[in-house]
PDB file of N, CA and C in Angstrom:
ATOM      1  N   UNK A   1      20.957 -21.844  -1.848  1.00  0.00           N
ATOM      2  CA  UNK A   1      19.629 -21.279  -1.784  1.00  0.00           C
ATOM      3  C   UNK A   1      19.021 -21.600  -0.422  1.00  0.00           C
ATOM      4  N   UNK A   2      18.201 -20.699   0.070  1.00  0.00           N
ATOM      5  CA  UNK A   2      17.586 -20.869   1.377  1.00  0.00           C
ATOM      6  C   UNK A   2      16.605 -22.034   1.359  1.00  0.00           C
ATOM      7  N   UNK A   3      16.760 -22.941   2.292  1.00  0.00           N
ATOM      8  CA  UNK A   3      15.876 -24.097   2.374  1.00  0.00           C
ATOM      9  C   UNK A   3      14.492 -23.695   2.868  1.00  0.00           C
ATOM     10  N   UNK A   4      14.454 -22.714   3.761  1.00  0.00           N
ATOM     11  CA  UNK A   4      13.194 -22.294   4.343  1.00  0.00           C
ATOM     12  C   UNK A   4      12.360 -21.480   3.352  1.00  0.00           C
ATOM     13  N   UNK A   5      13.029 -20.597   2.579  1.00  0.00           N
ATOM     14  CA  UNK A   5      12.347 -19.748   1.623  1.00  0.00           C
ATOM     15  C   UNK A   5      13.050 -19.839   0.271  1.00  0.00           C
ATOM     16  N   UNK A   6      12.716 -20.838  -0.552  1.00  0.00           N
ATOM     17  CA  UNK A   6      13.425 -21.031  -1.814  1.00  0.00           C
ATOM     18  C   UNK A   6      13.168 -19.927  -2.832  1.00  0.00           C
ATOM     19  N   UNK A   7      12.139 -19.091  -2.639  1.00  0.00           N
ATOM     20  CA  UNK A   7      11.821 -18.039  -3.595  1.00  0.00           C
ATOM     21  C   UNK A   7      12.675 -16.786  -3.401  1.00  0.00           C
ATOM     22  N   UNK A   8      13.401 -16.693  -2.285  1.00  0.00           N
ATOM     23  CA  UNK A   8      14.244 -15.532  -2.055  1.00  0.00           C
ATOM     24  C   UNK A   8      15.568 -15.681  -2.795  1.00  0.00           C
ATOM     25  N   UNK A   9      16.006 -14.639  -3.510  1.00  0.00           N
ATOM     26  CA  UNK A   9      17.267 -14.745  -4.243  1.00  0.00           C
ATOM     27  C   UNK A   9      18.471 -14.702  -3.307  1.00  0.00           C
ATOM     28  N   UNK A  10      19.539 -15.312  -3.736  1.00  0.00           N
ATOM     29  CA  UNK A  10      20.773 -15.249  -2.979  1.00  0.00           C
ATOM     30  C   UNK A  10      21.507 -13.974  -3.352  1.00  0.00           C
ATOM     31  N   UNK A  11      22.062 -13.297  -2.370  1.00  0.00           N
ATOM     32  CA  UNK A  11      22.718 -12.018  -2.619  1.00  0.00           C
ATOM     33  C   UNK A  11      23.979 -12.175  -3.459  1.00  0.00           C
ATOM     34  N   UNK A  12      24.681 -13.294  -3.332  1.00  0.00           N
ATOM     35  CA  UNK A  12      25.947 -13.428  -4.029  1.00  0.00           C
ATOM     36  C   UNK A  12      25.797 -13.808  -5.498  1.00  0.00           C
ATOM     37  N   UNK A  13      24.696 -14.448  -5.869  1.00  0.00           N
ATOM     38  CA  UNK A  13      24.550 -14.908  -7.236  1.00  0.00           C
ATOM     39  C   UNK A  13      23.580 -14.102  -8.074  1.00  0.00           C
ATOM     40  N   UNK A  14      22.872 -13.196  -7.488  1.00  0.00           N
ATOM     41  CA  UNK A  14      21.850 -12.460  -8.203  1.00  0.00           C
ATOM     42  C   UNK A  14      22.342 -11.054  -8.520  1.00  0.00           C
ATOM     43  N   UNK A  15      22.310 -10.679  -9.774  1.00  0.00           N
ATOM     44  CA  UNK A  15      22.816  -9.372 -10.206  1.00  0.00           C
ATOM     45  C   UNK A  15      22.045  -8.213  -9.569  1.00  0.00           C
ATOM     46  N   UNK A  16      20.717  -8.349  -9.471  1.00  0.00           N
ATOM     47  CA  UNK A  16      19.910  -7.260  -8.913  1.00  0.00           C
ATOM     48  C   UNK A  16      20.314  -6.937  -7.485  1.00  0.00           C
ATOM     49  N   UNK A  17      20.416  -7.957  -6.634  1.00  0.00           N
ATOM     50  CA  UNK A  17      20.762  -7.716  -5.237  1.00  0.00           C
ATOM     51  C   UNK A  17      22.222  -7.284  -5.110  1.00  0.00           C
ATOM     52  N   UNK A  18      23.059  -7.762  -6.006  1.00  0.00           N
ATOM     53  CA  UNK A  18      24.460  -7.353  -5.978  1.00  0.00           C
ATOM     54  C   UNK A  18      24.582  -5.863  -6.304  1.00  0.00           C
ATOM     55  N   UNK A  19      23.738  -5.355  -7.205  1.00  0.00           N
ATOM     56  CA  UNK A  19      23.784  -3.934  -7.579  1.00  0.00           C
ATOM     57  C   UNK A  19      23.051  -3.062  -6.559  1.00  0.00           C
ATOM     58  N   UNK A  20      21.897  -3.511  -6.113  1.00  0.00           N
ATOM     59  CA  UNK A  20      21.053  -2.678  -5.248  1.00  0.00           C
ATOM     60  C   UNK A  20      21.381  -2.850  -3.777  1.00  0.00           C
ATOM     61  N   UNK A  21      22.045  -3.905  -3.408  1.00  0.00           N
ATOM     62  CA  UNK A  21      22.296  -4.176  -2.000  1.00  0.00           C
ATOM     63  C   UNK A  21      21.173  -5.013  -1.424  1.00  0.00           C
ATOM     64  N   UNK A  22      21.127  -5.055  -0.131  1.00  0.00           N
ATOM     65  CA  UNK A  22      20.119  -5.857   0.546  1.00  0.00           C
ATOM     66  C   UNK A  22      18.731  -5.270   0.317  1.00  0.00           C
ATOM     67  N   UNK A  23      17.716  -6.128   0.094  1.00  0.00           N
ATOM     68  CA  UNK A  23      16.355  -5.602  -0.033  1.00  0.00           C
ATOM     69  C   UNK A  23      15.858  -4.981   1.270  1.00  0.00           C
ATOM     70  N   UNK A  24      16.429  -5.380   2.387  1.00  0.00           N
ATOM     71  CA  UNK A  24      16.033  -4.804   3.676  1.00  0.00           C
ATOM     72  C   UNK A  24      16.363  -3.314   3.705  1.00  0.00           C
ATOM     73  N   UNK A  25      17.507  -2.945   3.160  1.00  0.00           N
ATOM     74  CA  UNK A  25      17.893  -1.536   3.100  1.00  0.00           C
ATOM     75  C   UNK A  25      16.911  -0.740   2.256  1.00  0.00           C
ATOM     76  N   UNK A  26      16.509  -1.300   1.136  1.00  0.00           N
ATOM     77  CA  UNK A  26      15.542  -0.623   0.273  1.00  0.00           C
ATOM     78  C   UNK A  26      14.193  -0.472   0.963  1.00  0.00           C
ATOM     79  N   UNK A  27      13.763  -1.493   1.652  1.00  0.00           N
ATOM     80  CA  UNK A  27      12.468  -1.453   2.345  1.00  0.00           C
ATOM     81  C   UNK A  27      12.501  -0.419   3.471  1.00  0.00           C
ATOM     82  N   UNK A  28      13.572  -0.396   4.249  1.00  0.00           N
ATOM     83  CA  UNK A  28      13.689   0.580   5.335  1.00  0.00           C
ATOM     84  C   UNK A  28      13.724   1.998   4.776  1.00  0.00           C
ATOM     85  N   UNK A  29      14.428   2.185   3.672  1.00  0.00           N
ATOM     86  CA  UNK A  29      14.463   3.503   3.032  1.00  0.00           C
ATOM     87  C   UNK A  29      13.095   3.940   2.552  1.00  0.00           C
ATOM     88  N   UNK A  30      12.354   3.018   1.927  1.00  0.00           N
ATOM     89  CA  UNK A  30      11.005   3.321   1.473  1.00  0.00           C
ATOM     90  C   UNK A  30      10.100   3.695   2.650  1.00  0.00           C
ATOM     91  N   UNK A  31      10.144   2.896   3.697  1.00  0.00           N
ATOM     92  CA  UNK A  31       9.281   3.161   4.855  1.00  0.00           C
ATOM     93  C   UNK A  31       9.624   4.490   5.526  1.00  0.00           C
ATOM     94  N   UNK A  32      10.908   4.811   5.616  1.00  0.00           N
ATOM     95  CA  UNK A  32      11.306   6.099   6.188  1.00  0.00           C
ATOM     96  C   UNK A  32      10.758   7.241   5.342  1.00  0.00           C
ATOM     97  N   UNK A  33      10.882   7.118   4.033  1.00  0.00           N
ATOM     98  CA  UNK A  33      10.421   8.167   3.131  1.00  0.00           C
ATOM     99  C   UNK A  33       8.908   8.348   3.201  1.00  0.00           C
ATOM    100  N   UNK A  34       8.156   7.255   3.179  1.00  0.00           N
ATOM    101  CA  UNK A  34       6.701   7.361   3.179  1.00  0.00           C
ATOM    102  C   UNK A  34       6.184   7.856   4.536  1.00  0.00           C
ATOM    103  N   UNK A  35       6.873   7.539   5.632  1.00  0.00           N
ATOM    104  CA  UNK A  35       6.459   8.039   6.938  1.00  0.00           C
ATOM    105  C   UNK A  35       6.724   9.525   7.080  1.00  0.00           C
ATOM    106  N   UNK A  36       7.862   9.986   6.573  1.00  0.00           N
ATOM    107  CA  UNK A  36       8.143  11.432   6.582  1.00  0.00           C
ATOM    108  C   UNK A  36       7.112  12.151   5.716  1.00  0.00           C
ATOM    109  N   UNK A  37       6.773  11.562   4.567  1.00  0.00           N
ATOM    110  CA  UNK A  37       5.776  12.151   3.667  1.00  0.00           C
ATOM    111  C   UNK A  37       4.407  12.246   4.356  1.00  0.00           C
ATOM    112  N   UNK A  38       3.968  11.195   5.031  1.00  0.00           N
ATOM    113  CA  UNK A  38       2.671  11.202   5.714  1.00  0.00           C
ATOM    114  C   UNK A  38       2.660  12.241   6.837  1.00  0.00           C
ATOM    115  N   UNK A  39       3.764  12.338   7.574  1.00  0.00           N
ATOM    116  CA  UNK A  39       3.875  13.336   8.638  1.00  0.00           C
ATOM    117  C   UNK A  39       3.776  14.748   8.056  1.00  0.00           C
ATOM    118  N   UNK A  40       4.500  14.973   6.961  1.00  0.00           N
ATOM    119  CA  UNK A  40       4.497  16.296   6.326  1.00  0.00           C
ATOM    120  C   UNK A  40       3.130  16.642   5.756  1.00  0.00           C
ATOM    121  N   UNK A  41       2.431  15.659   5.198  1.00  0.00           N
ATOM    122  CA  UNK A  41       1.086  15.917   4.681  1.00  0.00           C
ATOM    123  C   UNK A  41       0.145  16.394   5.777  1.00  0.00           C
ATOM    124  N   UNK A  42       0.238  15.784   6.937  1.00  0.00           N
ATOM    125  CA  UNK A  42      -0.603  16.215   8.060  1.00  0.00           C
ATOM    126  C   UNK A  42      -0.294  17.658   8.450  1.00  0.00           C
ATOM    127  N   UNK A  43       0.983  17.987   8.533  1.00  0.00           N
ATOM    128  CA  UNK A  43       1.369  19.353   8.886  1.00  0.00           C
ATOM    129  C   UNK A  43       0.953  20.349   7.827  1.00  0.00           C
ATOM    130  N   UNK A  44       1.138  20.003   6.563  1.00  0.00           N
ATOM    131  CA  UNK A  44       0.774  20.897   5.463  1.00  0.00           C
ATOM    132  C   UNK A  44      -0.725  21.143   5.448  1.00  0.00           C
ATOM    133  N   UNK A  45      -1.521  20.075   5.637  1.00  0.00           N
ATOM    134  CA  UNK A  45      -2.971  20.230   5.626  1.00  0.00           C
ATOM    135  C   UNK A  45      -3.453  21.025   6.832  1.00  0.00           C
ATOM    136  N   UNK A  46      -2.783  20.872   7.958  1.00  0.00           N
ATOM    137  CA  UNK A  46      -3.153  21.657   9.133  1.00  0.00           C
ATOM    138  C   UNK A  46      -2.920  23.150   8.874  1.00  0.00           C
ATOM    139  N   UNK A  47      -1.800  23.473   8.225  1.00  0.00           N
ATOM    140  CA  UNK A  47      -1.534  24.858   7.859  1.00  0.00           C
ATOM    141  C   UNK A  47      -2.578  25.399   6.908  1.00  0.00           C
ATOM    142  N   UNK A  48      -2.997  24.572   5.956  1.00  0.00           N
ATOM    143  CA  UNK A  48      -4.032  24.989   5.014  1.00  0.00           C
ATOM    144  C   UNK A  48      -5.389  25.130   5.698  1.00  0.00           C
ATOM    145  N   UNK A  49      -5.647  24.331   6.707  1.00  0.00           N
ATOM    146  CA  UNK A  49      -6.927  24.384   7.420  1.00  0.00           C
ATOM    147  C   UNK A  49      -7.092  25.711   8.152  1.00  0.00           C
ATOM    148  N   UNK A  50      -5.987  26.291   8.571  1.00  0.00           N
ATOM    149  CA  UNK A  50      -6.048  27.561   9.301  1.00  0.00           C
ATOM    150  C   UNK A  50      -6.353  28.737   8.373  1.00  0.00           C
ATOM    151  N   UNK A  51      -6.024  28.594   7.081  1.00  0.00           N
ATOM    152  CA  UNK A  51      -6.292  29.667   6.120  1.00  0.00           C
ATOM    153  C   UNK A  51      -7.671  29.490   5.507  1.00  0.00           C
ATOM    154  N   UNK A  52      -8.413  30.568   5.467  1.00  0.00           N
ATOM    155  CA  UNK A  52      -9.765  30.518   4.917  1.00  0.00           C
ATOM    156  C   UNK A  52      -9.698  30.426   3.388  1.00  0.00           C
ATOM    157  N   UNK A  53     -10.391  29.466   2.829  1.00  0.00           N
ATOM    158  CA  UNK A  53     -10.466  29.310   1.383  1.00  0.00           C
ATOM    159  C   UNK A  53      -9.265  28.635   0.747  1.00  0.00           C
ATOM    160  N   UNK A  54      -8.327  28.166   1.545  1.00  0.00           N
ATOM    161  CA  UNK A  54      -7.139  27.503   0.999  1.00  0.00           C
ATOM    162  C   UNK A  54      -7.505  26.103   0.517  1.00  0.00           C
ATOM    163  N   UNK A  55      -6.829  25.672  -0.510  1.00  0.00           N
ATOM    164  CA  UNK A  55      -7.062  24.336  -1.047  1.00  0.00           C
ATOM    165  C   UNK A  55      -6.484  23.291  -0.100  1.00  0.00           C
ATOM    166  N   UNK A  56      -7.305  22.287   0.240  1.00  0.00           N
ATOM    167  CA  UNK A  56      -6.927  21.281   1.232  1.00  0.00           C
ATOM    168  C   UNK A  56      -6.518  19.972   0.591  1.00  0.00           C
ATOM    169  N   UNK A  57      -5.880  19.129   1.378  1.00  0.00           N
ATOM    170  CA  UNK A  57      -5.537  17.776   0.953  1.00  0.00           C
ATOM    171  C   UNK A  57      -6.735  16.883   1.269  1.00  0.00           C
ATOM    172  N   UNK A  58      -7.090  16.037   0.320  1.00  0.00           N
ATOM    173  CA  UNK A  58      -8.238  15.147   0.531  1.00  0.00           C
ATOM    174  C   UNK A  58      -7.962  14.172   1.670  1.00  0.00           C
ATOM    175  N   UNK A  59      -9.018  13.831   2.387  1.00  0.00           N
ATOM    176  CA  UNK A  59      -8.885  12.880   3.482  1.00  0.00           C
ATOM    177  C   UNK A  59      -8.445  11.515   2.973  1.00  0.00           C
ATOM    178  N   UNK A  60      -8.897  11.135   1.809  1.00  0.00           N
ATOM    179  CA  UNK A  60      -8.491   9.836   1.274  1.00  0.00           C
ATOM    180  C   UNK A  60      -7.006   9.819   0.932  1.00  0.00           C
ATOM    181  N   UNK A  61      -6.427  10.979   0.589  1.00  0.00           N
ATOM    182  CA  UNK A  61      -4.992  11.060   0.345  1.00  0.00           C
ATOM    183  C   UNK A  61      -4.226  10.857   1.649  1.00  0.00           C
ATOM    184  N   UNK A  62      -4.736  11.421   2.732  1.00  0.00           N
ATOM    185  CA  UNK A  62      -4.105  11.241   4.038  1.00  0.00           C
ATOM    186  C   UNK A  62      -4.156   9.771   4.461  1.00  0.00           C
ATOM    187  N   UNK A  63      -5.308   9.139   4.243  1.00  0.00           N
ATOM    188  CA  UNK A  63      -5.432   7.719   4.568  1.00  0.00           C
ATOM    189  C   UNK A  63      -4.554   6.861   3.660  1.00  0.00           C
ATOM    190  N   UNK A  64      -4.487   7.214   2.378  1.00  0.00           N
ATOM    191  CA  UNK A  64      -3.668   6.442   1.447  1.00  0.00           C
ATOM    192  C   UNK A  64      -2.191   6.503   1.819  1.00  0.00           C
ATOM    193  N   UNK A  65      -1.745   7.678   2.251  1.00  0.00           N
ATOM    194  CA  UNK A  65      -0.343   7.789   2.674  1.00  0.00           C
ATOM    195  C   UNK A  65      -0.072   6.894   3.877  1.00  0.00           C
ATOM    196  N   UNK A  66      -1.055   6.743   4.746  1.00  0.00           N
ATOM    197  CA  UNK A  66      -0.906   5.845   5.891  1.00  0.00           C
ATOM    198  C   UNK A  66      -0.944   4.387   5.438  1.00  0.00           C
ATOM    199  N   UNK A  67      -1.827   4.057   4.515  1.00  0.00           N
ATOM    200  CA  UNK A  67      -1.960   2.671   4.047  1.00  0.00           C
ATOM    201  C   UNK A  67      -0.758   2.199   3.240  1.00  0.00           C
ATOM    202  N   UNK A  68      -0.032   3.108   2.625  1.00  0.00           N
ATOM    203  CA  UNK A  68       1.135   2.735   1.823  1.00  0.00           C
ATOM    204  C   UNK A  68       2.381   2.530   2.665  1.00  0.00           C
ATOM    205  N   UNK A  69       2.214   2.510   3.982  1.00  0.00           N
ATOM    206  CA  UNK A  69       3.345   2.248   4.870  1.00  0.00           C
ATOM    207  C   UNK A  69       3.650   3.396   5.807  1.00  0.00           C
ATOM    208  N   UNK A  70       2.915   4.486   5.690  1.00  0.00           N
ATOM    209  CA  UNK A  70       3.186   5.656   6.517  1.00  0.00           C
ATOM    210  C   UNK A  70       2.269   5.800   7.707  1.00  0.00           C
ATOM    211  N   UNK A  71       1.835   4.705   8.266  1.00  0.00           N
ATOM    212  CA  UNK A  71       0.907   4.749   9.402  1.00  0.00           C
ATOM    213  C   UNK A  71       1.477   5.449  10.617  1.00  0.00           C
ATOM    214  N   UNK A  72       2.725   5.164  10.940  1.00  0.00           N
ATOM    215  CA  UNK A  72       3.359   5.793  12.096  1.00  0.00           C
ATOM    216  C   UNK A  72       3.539   7.290  11.868  1.00  0.00           C
ATOM    217  N   UNK A  73       3.976   7.672  10.672  1.00  0.00           N
ATOM    218  CA  UNK A  73       4.159   9.091  10.351  1.00  0.00           C
ATOM    219  C   UNK A  73       2.844   9.850  10.380  1.00  0.00           C
ATOM    220  N   UNK A  74       1.780   9.248   9.853  1.00  0.00           N
ATOM    221  CA  UNK A  74       0.467   9.882   9.880  1.00  0.00           C
ATOM    222  C   UNK A  74      -0.036  10.020  11.314  1.00  0.00           C
ATOM    223  N   UNK A  75       0.177   8.982  12.113  1.00  0.00           N
ATOM    224  CA  UNK A  75      -0.255   9.028  13.510  1.00  0.00           C
ATOM    225  C   UNK A  75       0.490  10.117  14.279  1.00  0.00           C
ATOM    226  N   UNK A  76       1.810  10.160  14.114  1.00  0.00           N
ATOM    227  CA  UNK A  76       2.595  11.191  14.807  1.00  0.00           C
ATOM    228  C   UNK A  76       2.241  12.592  14.309  1.00  0.00           C
ATOM    229  N   UNK A  77       2.001  12.727  13.013  1.00  0.00           N
ATOM    230  CA  UNK A  77       1.604  14.023  12.455  1.00  0.00           C
ATOM    231  C   UNK A  77       0.239  14.455  12.960  1.00  0.00           C
ATOM    232  N   UNK A  78      -0.663  13.502  13.077  1.00  0.00           N
ATOM    233  CA  UNK A  78      -2.000  13.797  13.573  1.00  0.00           C
ATOM    234  C   UNK A  78      -1.940  14.393  14.978  1.00  0.00           C
ATOM    235  N   UNK A  79      -1.128  13.802  15.847  1.00  0.00           N
ATOM    236  CA  UNK A  79      -1.079  14.254  17.229  1.00  0.00           C
ATOM    237  C   UNK A  79      -0.113  15.423  17.429  1.00  0.00           C
ATOM    238  N   UNK A  80       0.932  15.512  16.635  1.00  0.00           N
ATOM    239  CA  UNK A  80       1.856  16.644  16.741  1.00  0.00           C
ATOM    240  C   UNK A  80       1.163  17.945  16.338  1.00  0.00           C
ATOM    241  N   UNK A  81       0.443  17.893  15.216  1.00  0.00           N
ATOM    242  CA  UNK A  81      -0.213  19.095  14.707  1.00  0.00           C
ATOM    243  C   UNK A  81      -1.648  19.230  15.188  1.00  0.00           C
ATOM    244  N   UNK A  82      -2.120  18.273  15.983  1.00  0.00           N
ATOM    245  CA  UNK A  82      -3.499  18.235  16.453  1.00  0.00           C
ATOM    246  C   UNK A  82      -4.465  18.408  15.287  1.00  0.00           C
ATOM    247  N   UNK A  83      -4.269  17.569  14.295  1.00  0.00           N
ATOM    248  CA  UNK A  83      -5.031  17.650  13.056  1.00  0.00           C
ATOM    249  C   UNK A  83      -5.882  16.402  12.871  1.00  0.00           C
ATOM    250  N   UNK A  84      -7.122  16.605  12.532  1.00  0.00           N
ATOM    251  CA  UNK A  84      -8.098  15.528  12.296  1.00  0.00           C
ATOM    252  C   UNK A  84      -8.386  14.718  13.557  1.00  0.00           C
ATOM    253  N   UNK A  85      -8.158  15.296  14.712  1.00  0.00           N
ATOM    254  CA  UNK A  85      -8.384  14.563  15.963  1.00  0.00           C
ATOM    255  C   UNK A  85      -9.843  14.593  16.413  1.00  0.00           C
ATOM    256  N   UNK A  86     -10.683  15.344  15.722  1.00  0.00           N
ATOM    257  CA  UNK A  86     -12.116  15.366  16.063  1.00  0.00           C
ATOM    258  C   UNK A  86     -12.931  14.451  15.152  1.00  0.00           C
ATOM    259  N   UNK A  87     -12.263  13.829  14.185  1.00  0.00           N
ATOM    260  CA  UNK A  87     -12.943  12.901  13.283  1.00  0.00           C
ATOM    261  C   UNK A  87     -12.708  11.481  13.786  1.00  0.00           C
ATOM    262  N   UNK A  88     -13.793  10.782  14.138  1.00  0.00           N
ATOM    263  CA  UNK A  88     -13.660   9.461  14.740  1.00  0.00           C
ATOM    264  C   UNK A  88     -12.939   8.488  13.816  1.00  0.00           C
ATOM    265  N   UNK A  89     -13.154   8.625  12.505  1.00  0.00           N
ATOM    266  CA  UNK A  89     -12.533   7.670  11.589  1.00  0.00           C
ATOM    267  C   UNK A  89     -11.032   7.886  11.484  1.00  0.00           C
ATOM    268  N   UNK A  90     -10.534   9.081  11.784  1.00  0.00           N
ATOM    269  CA  UNK A  90      -9.090   9.289  11.856  1.00  0.00           C
ATOM    270  C   UNK A  90      -8.548   8.828  13.207  1.00  0.00           C
ATOM    271  N   UNK A  91      -9.260   9.158  14.270  1.00  0.00           N
ATOM    272  CA  UNK A  91      -8.819   8.788  15.618  1.00  0.00           C
ATOM    273  C   UNK A  91      -8.753   7.261  15.760  1.00  0.00           C
ATOM    274  N   UNK A  92      -9.670   6.548  15.118  1.00  0.00           N
ATOM    275  CA  UNK A  92      -9.657   5.085  15.182  1.00  0.00           C
ATOM    276  C   UNK A  92      -8.847   4.469  14.043  1.00  0.00           C
ATOM    277  N   UNK A  93      -8.974   5.012  12.847  1.00  0.00           N
ATOM    278  CA  UNK A  93      -8.394   4.395  11.664  1.00  0.00           C
ATOM    279  C   UNK A  93      -6.885   4.479  11.565  1.00  0.00           C
ATOM    280  N   UNK A  94      -6.329   5.651  11.796  1.00  0.00           N
ATOM    281  CA  UNK A  94      -4.875   5.827  11.648  1.00  0.00           C
ATOM    282  C   UNK A  94      -4.102   4.972  12.652  1.00  0.00           C
ATOM    283  N   UNK A  95      -4.471   4.960  13.940  1.00  0.00           N
ATOM    284  CA  UNK A  95      -3.750   4.058  14.859  1.00  0.00           C
ATOM    285  C   UNK A  95      -3.907   2.579  14.492  1.00  0.00           C
ATOM    286  N   UNK A  96      -5.080   2.183  13.993  1.00  0.00           N
ATOM    287  CA  UNK A  96      -5.267   0.785  13.578  1.00  0.00           C
ATOM    288  C   UNK A  96      -4.370   0.441  12.388  1.00  0.00           C
ATOM    289  N   UNK A  97      -4.239   1.368  11.455  1.00  0.00           N
ATOM    290  CA  UNK A  97      -3.354   1.148  10.312  1.00  0.00           C
ATOM    291  C   UNK A  97      -1.913   1.016  10.802  1.00  0.00           C
ATOM    292  N   UNK A  98      -1.508   1.906  11.706  1.00  0.00           N
ATOM    293  CA  UNK A  98      -0.138   1.861  12.239  1.00  0.00           C
ATOM    294  C   UNK A  98       0.116   0.541  12.978  1.00  0.00           C
ATOM    295  N   UNK A  99      -0.849   0.099  13.765  1.00  0.00           N
ATOM    296  CA  UNK A  99      -0.705  -1.175  14.482  1.00  0.00           C
ATOM    297  C   UNK A  99      -0.656  -2.361  13.522  1.00  0.00           C
ATOM    298  N   UNK A 100      -1.485  -2.327  12.492  1.00  0.00           N
ATOM    299  CA  UNK A 100      -1.484  -3.415  11.509  1.00  0.00           C
ATOM    300  C   UNK A 100      -0.150  -3.465  10.765  1.00  0.00           C
ATOM    301  N   UNK A 101       0.399  -2.300  10.430  1.00  0.00           N
ATOM    302  CA  UNK A 101       1.690  -2.261   9.755  1.00  0.00           C
ATOM    303  C   UNK A 101       2.806  -2.756  10.669  1.00  0.00           C
ATOM    304  N   UNK A 102       2.738  -2.396  11.934  1.00  0.00           N
ATOM    305  CA  UNK A 102       3.738  -2.878  12.892  1.00  0.00           C
ATOM    306  C   UNK A 102       3.632  -4.395  13.064  1.00  0.00           C
ATOM    307  N   UNK A 103       2.412  -4.897  13.155  1.00  0.00           N
ATOM    308  CA  UNK A 103       2.216  -6.345  13.284  1.00  0.00           C
ATOM    309  C   UNK A 103       2.718  -7.074  12.046  1.00  0.00           C
ATOM    310  N   UNK A 104       2.464  -6.518  10.871  1.00  0.00           N
ATOM    311  CA  UNK A 104       2.963  -7.126   9.637  1.00  0.00           C
ATOM    312  C   UNK A 104       4.483  -7.122   9.602  1.00  0.00           C
ATOM    313  N   UNK A 105       5.081  -6.034  10.014  1.00  0.00           N
ATOM    314  CA  UNK A 105       6.539  -5.955  10.057  1.00  0.00           C
ATOM    315  C   UNK A 105       7.149  -6.958  11.015  1.00  0.00           C
ATOM    316  N   UNK A 106       6.559  -7.106  12.179  1.00  0.00           N
ATOM    317  CA  UNK A 106       7.050  -8.077  13.164  1.00  0.00           C
ATOM    318  C   UNK A 106       6.876  -9.499  12.637  1.00  0.00           C
ATOM    319  N   UNK A 107       5.727  -9.762  12.026  1.00  0.00           N
ATOM    320  CA  UNK A 107       5.495 -11.093  11.462  1.00  0.00           C
ATOM    321  C   UNK A 107       6.499 -11.400  10.359  1.00  0.00           C
ATOM    322  N   UNK A 108       6.737 -10.466   9.452  1.00  0.00           N
ATOM    323  CA  UNK A 108       7.703 -10.686   8.369  1.00  0.00           C
ATOM    324  C   UNK A 108       9.108 -10.908   8.926  1.00  0.00           C
ATOM    325  N   UNK A 109       9.487 -10.095   9.912  1.00  0.00           N
ATOM    326  CA  UNK A 109      10.796 -10.270  10.534  1.00  0.00           C
ATOM    327  C   UNK A 109      10.919 -11.674  11.137  1.00  0.00           C
ATOM    328  N   UNK A 110       9.865 -12.103  11.818  1.00  0.00           N
ATOM    329  CA  UNK A 110       9.870 -13.406  12.462  1.00  0.00           C
ATOM    330  C   UNK A 110       9.964 -14.533  11.430  1.00  0.00           C
ATOM    331  N   UNK A 111       9.259 -14.387  10.312  1.00  0.00           N
ATOM    332  CA  UNK A 111       9.249 -15.439   9.296  1.00  0.00           C
ATOM    333  C   UNK A 111      10.556 -15.487   8.486  1.00  0.00           C
ATOM    334  N   UNK A 112      11.196 -14.353   8.293  1.00  0.00           N
ATOM    335  CA  UNK A 112      12.374 -14.299   7.432  1.00  0.00           C
ATOM    336  C   UNK A 112      13.702 -14.363   8.171  1.00  0.00           C
ATOM    337  N   UNK A 113      13.662 -14.439   9.478  1.00  0.00           N
ATOM    338  CA  UNK A 113      14.932 -14.452  10.213  1.00  0.00           C
ATOM    339  C   UNK A 113      15.591 -15.792  10.165  1.00  0.00           C
TER     340      UNK A 113
END
């Protein structure tokens, strides 16, 4: 068992990790999926914004997709599609979320290495 982090399971003795593989792989897969989803939401909402009377995606849904780990995808989608760039809370909020997620990722990597 890890002396530094006794709460982490050992891959060789734990059935869950033996079946699922490394938790790092699962986390990277989740983050890739949620970032693609956040990017796609920005593009989809931009397309809907161009159509008159089309049903839109709520702003809180866009922020939630960023807060759930898709900060980079939301940021790239915002600037790729030039969507929500006139709203100060998106221009300030989405990059801050992306930076906070990056800082958390770097901190976790540093602590678990």
